[in-house]
Protein backbone atom coordinates (compact mmCIF):
# COMPACT_ATOMS: atom_id res chain seq x y z
CA MET A 1 25.22 -9.61 -11.08
CA GLN A 2 23.38 -12.14 -13.23
CA LYS A 3 23.68 -15.74 -12.39
CA LYS A 4 26.45 -17.79 -13.62
CA VAL A 5 27.88 -21.46 -13.29
CA GLU A 6 31.20 -22.98 -14.29
CA PHE A 7 31.71 -26.54 -15.42
CA ILE A 8 33.64 -28.72 -17.82
CA ALA A 9 31.98 -30.05 -21.03
CA GLU A 10 33.26 -32.12 -23.93
CA ASN A 11 31.96 -29.60 -26.54
CA GLN A 12 29.66 -26.54 -27.01
CA GLU A 13 26.53 -28.61 -27.44
CA GLN A 14 27.10 -30.47 -24.19
CA ALA A 15 27.91 -27.18 -22.55
CA MET A 16 24.67 -25.60 -23.49
CA ALA A 17 22.68 -28.72 -22.30
CA GLU A 18 24.61 -28.56 -18.92
CA ALA A 19 23.88 -24.88 -18.64
CA ILE A 20 20.13 -25.37 -19.28
CA LYS A 21 20.05 -28.02 -16.67
CA ARG A 22 21.94 -25.97 -14.01
CA LEU A 23 20.30 -22.58 -14.68
CA HIS A 24 16.89 -23.89 -15.44
CA LEU A 25 16.50 -21.50 -18.30
CA SER A 26 16.13 -21.90 -22.18
CA SER A 27 19.06 -21.61 -24.36
CA ASP A 28 18.05 -18.23 -25.67
CA LYS A 29 18.66 -16.80 -22.32
CA ILE A 30 22.14 -18.34 -21.73
CA PHE A 31 25.53 -17.27 -23.04
CA ILE A 32 28.40 -19.79 -22.99
CA ASN A 33 31.85 -18.36 -22.54
CA VAL A 34 34.64 -20.93 -23.00
CA LEU A 35 37.45 -19.95 -20.54
CA GLY A 36 40.01 -22.51 -21.91
CA GLU A 37 40.74 -25.96 -22.74
CA LEU A 38 41.71 -28.63 -20.23
CA PRO A 39 42.82 -32.27 -20.57
CA GLU A 40 39.29 -33.43 -19.57
CA GLY A 41 37.41 -30.93 -21.93
CA LEU A 42 36.30 -27.33 -22.20
CA ASN A 43 36.40 -25.08 -19.25
CA CYS A 44 33.01 -23.30 -19.59
CA GLU A 45 31.34 -20.40 -17.89
CA ALA A 46 27.48 -20.08 -18.53
CA LEU A 47 25.94 -16.74 -17.84
CA VAL A 48 22.27 -15.62 -17.76
CA ASP A 49 21.99 -13.33 -20.75
CA VAL A 50 18.83 -11.21 -20.30
CA ASN A 51 17.67 -7.68 -19.77
CA LEU A 52 15.96 -7.92 -16.42
CA THR A 53 13.64 -5.03 -17.01
CA LEU A 54 12.48 -6.24 -20.44
CA GLU A 55 12.09 -9.83 -19.22
CA GLY A 56 9.74 -8.54 -16.42
CA GLN A 57 7.77 -6.41 -18.86
CA LYS A 58 7.35 -9.31 -21.31
CA TYR A 59 6.15 -11.53 -18.40
CA LEU A 60 3.56 -8.96 -17.31
CA LYS A 61 2.31 -8.49 -20.94
CA ASN A 62 1.75 -12.27 -21.22
CA ILE A 63 -0.37 -12.20 -18.10
CA LEU A 64 -2.36 -9.15 -19.33
CA ASN A 65 -2.74 -10.53 -22.88
CA SER A 66 -4.28 -13.68 -21.43
CA LEU A 67 -6.86 -11.66 -19.64
CA ASP A 68 -7.81 -9.96 -22.94
CA ILE A 69 -7.89 -6.41 -21.51
CA GLY A 70 -6.39 -3.05 -22.96
CA TYR A 71 -3.39 -1.69 -21.07
CA GLN A 72 -0.24 0.21 -21.14
CA ILE A 73 2.96 -0.65 -19.27
CA GLU A 74 5.71 1.62 -18.26
CA ALA A 75 9.03 0.13 -17.10
CA ARG A 76 11.82 2.08 -15.43
CA THR A 77 15.26 1.07 -14.08
CA VAL A 78 16.86 3.12 -11.23
CA GLY A 79 20.62 2.36 -10.99
CA ASP A 80 21.46 -1.32 -10.86
CA SER A 81 19.12 -2.31 -8.09
CA GLN A 82 15.65 -1.04 -8.65
CA ILE A 83 13.01 -1.82 -11.26
CA TYR A 84 9.58 -0.05 -11.46
CA TYR A 85 6.57 -1.25 -13.53
CA ASN A 86 3.42 0.70 -13.78
CA ILE A 87 0.22 -0.69 -15.47
CA ASP A 88 -2.65 1.28 -16.58
CA SER A 89 -5.64 -0.60 -17.88
CA ASN A 90 -9.28 -0.48 -18.49
CA GLU A 91 -9.62 -3.16 -15.71
CA ASN A 92 -7.46 -1.53 -12.93
CA PRO A 93 -9.92 -2.62 -10.10
CA LEU A 94 -9.72 -6.10 -11.25
CA LEU A 95 -5.94 -6.13 -11.38
CA ILE A 96 -5.62 -4.28 -7.95
CA GLY A 97 -8.11 -6.55 -6.25
CA ILE A 98 -9.70 -6.26 -2.81
CA LYS A 99 -7.17 -4.29 -0.53
CA GLY A 100 -4.59 -4.68 -3.22
CA LYS A 101 -4.29 -8.29 -2.89
CA THR A 102 -4.18 -9.15 -6.60
CA LEU A 103 -1.51 -6.38 -7.10
CA GLU A 104 0.60 -7.93 -4.26
CA ALA A 105 0.27 -11.41 -5.87
CA LEU A 106 1.42 -9.97 -9.26
CA GLN A 107 4.28 -8.27 -7.55
CA VAL A 108 5.40 -11.49 -5.90
CA LEU A 109 5.33 -13.20 -9.27
CA ILE A 110 7.34 -10.59 -10.93
CA ARG A 111 9.96 -10.47 -8.10
CA THR A 112 10.22 -14.28 -8.16
CA LEU A 113 10.88 -14.16 -11.99
CA ILE A 114 13.65 -11.46 -11.69
CA SER A 115 15.29 -13.45 -8.82
CA THR A 116 15.69 -16.41 -11.14
CA TYR A 117 18.01 -14.46 -13.25
CA THR A 118 20.33 -12.63 -10.77
CA LYS A 119 22.09 -13.16 -7.51
CA ASP A 120 21.77 -9.43 -6.63
CA LYS A 121 19.00 -8.05 -4.52
CA ILE A 122 16.88 -6.14 -7.03
CA VAL A 123 13.92 -4.18 -5.61
CA THR A 124 11.08 -4.71 -7.91
CA THR A 125 8.02 -2.61 -7.45
CA LEU A 126 4.79 -2.91 -9.38
CA ASP A 127 1.97 -0.27 -9.42
CA ILE A 128 -1.38 -0.32 -11.09
CA GLY A 129 -3.26 2.94 -11.91
CA ALA A 130 -1.15 4.73 -9.23
CA TYR A 131 -2.97 2.60 -6.52
CA ARG A 132 0.29 2.01 -4.61
CA SER A 133 1.66 5.61 -4.80
CA ASN A 134 -1.79 6.89 -3.57
CA ARG A 135 -1.85 4.24 -0.83
CA ASN A 136 1.61 5.30 0.21
CA ARG A 137 0.56 8.86 0.64
CA GLN A 138 -2.43 7.69 2.77
CA LEU A 139 -0.23 5.47 4.94
CA GLU A 140 2.30 8.32 5.43
CA ILE A 141 -0.53 10.60 6.46
CA LEU A 142 -1.95 8.04 8.91
CA ALA A 143 1.47 7.36 10.31
CA THR A 144 2.14 11.18 10.98
CA LYS A 145 -1.41 11.77 12.50
CA THR A 146 -1.13 8.68 14.67
CA ALA A 147 2.45 9.50 15.78
CA LYS A 148 1.34 13.05 16.88
CA SER A 149 -1.53 11.68 18.86
CA VAL A 150 0.77 9.07 20.52
CA ALA A 151 3.40 11.64 21.32
CA LYS A 152 0.82 13.85 22.97
CA THR A 153 -1.15 11.46 24.87
CA LYS A 154 1.63 8.94 25.70
CA VAL A 155 -0.69 5.95 24.73
CA SER A 156 0.18 3.42 22.21
CA VAL A 157 -1.90 2.77 19.18
CA LYS A 158 -2.22 -0.37 17.15
CA LEU A 159 -2.96 0.12 13.42
CA GLN A 160 -4.98 -2.19 11.29
CA PRO A 161 -3.18 -5.30 10.09
CA MET A 162 -1.04 -4.54 6.95
CA ASN A 163 1.25 -6.55 4.63
CA SER A 164 4.98 -6.22 4.91
CA TYR A 165 5.35 -3.54 2.19
CA GLU A 166 2.77 -1.31 3.90
CA ARG A 167 4.34 -1.84 7.36
CA ARG A 168 7.75 -0.83 5.98
CA ILE A 169 6.30 2.39 4.81
CA ILE A 170 5.08 3.18 8.30
CA HIS A 171 8.35 2.15 9.89
CA GLU A 172 10.42 4.29 7.54
CA LYS A 173 8.11 7.31 7.90
CA LEU A 174 8.51 7.26 11.76
CA SER A 175 12.04 5.92 11.89
CA GLU A 176 13.58 9.35 12.75
CA TRP A 177 10.84 10.59 15.15
CA ARG A 178 12.21 11.52 18.58
CA ASP A 179 8.87 11.01 20.52
CA VAL A 180 7.67 7.51 19.10
CA TYR A 181 8.81 4.23 17.88
CA THR A 182 7.24 1.45 15.90
CA GLU A 183 7.02 -2.29 16.44
CA SER A 184 5.32 -5.10 14.48
CA GLU A 185 3.15 -7.51 16.28
CA GLY A 186 1.22 -10.64 15.50
CA GLU A 187 1.56 -13.29 12.86
CA GLY A 188 0.63 -13.67 9.15
CA GLU A 189 -2.32 -11.50 7.98
CA GLU A 190 -2.97 -10.28 11.52
CA ARG A 191 0.59 -8.75 11.78
CA ALA A 192 0.15 -5.03 12.52
CA ILE A 193 2.26 -2.07 13.56
CA VAL A 194 2.03 -0.56 17.10
CA ILE A 195 3.15 3.12 17.46
CA LYS A 196 4.53 3.58 20.99
CA PRO A 197 5.65 6.61 22.97
CA LYS A 198 9.47 6.66 23.58
CA ASN A 199 9.12 8.22 27.13
CA GLN A 200 6.11 6.82 28.84
C-alpha cells in the first residue's frame, strides 16, 4: 500500500502544501482526496500517486545517463511485493565494482527510493549483466559442496565473509538439510557463515 496521510486544510491549495510537507514529495507524485467537509475545513487524504516500478526505472536511468554510458534496463514486477531490475551496459564491470560493491550500493539506493513511496515491504532486486544470477549459482554450488563435506567429516567450515544478501542465499539453500545447519558469525564486513554438522 502506497503511503498516505490525513489532515484538515482550509482549501485544496493548502491541502497540497501540507501533503508535500508531510510526504516529502513533489506535487506531481501526490493525489489529494477530499473525504468531506468539517466545520474547521476540508477533511483531506493525501496519497502517493506513482508507479513504483517505473519510478525506480527512471531513477536508475538518471544515474546511468549522468555516467554517459550506453545501457538497457529491463524492469519486471512479480505480484505486489517484488520488483526486479536488470541493467546491461557497455560498462558492466564499472557498475558492478569490486566484489559487486557498486552493484550493492546501487541496490541500496533503489530500495531506499521505493521505500519512500510505500509502507509495504517490497523486495527490490537489481542485477547488472547477469552478475547476481551467476553469483547466486556459484554460492549455491559452494553451499552444497561445503555442506556435503561437513556432513561427511562432522567438522564445521567457516566461509569467506559475505554481505547479507549472499549469506541469505547460503542459509536458504541449506535450510532443509538434515545433516547440517548454518549460523552467521562476526560483525560488519567480517560477518561470515559457518556451516555446522547437526550431530557431532
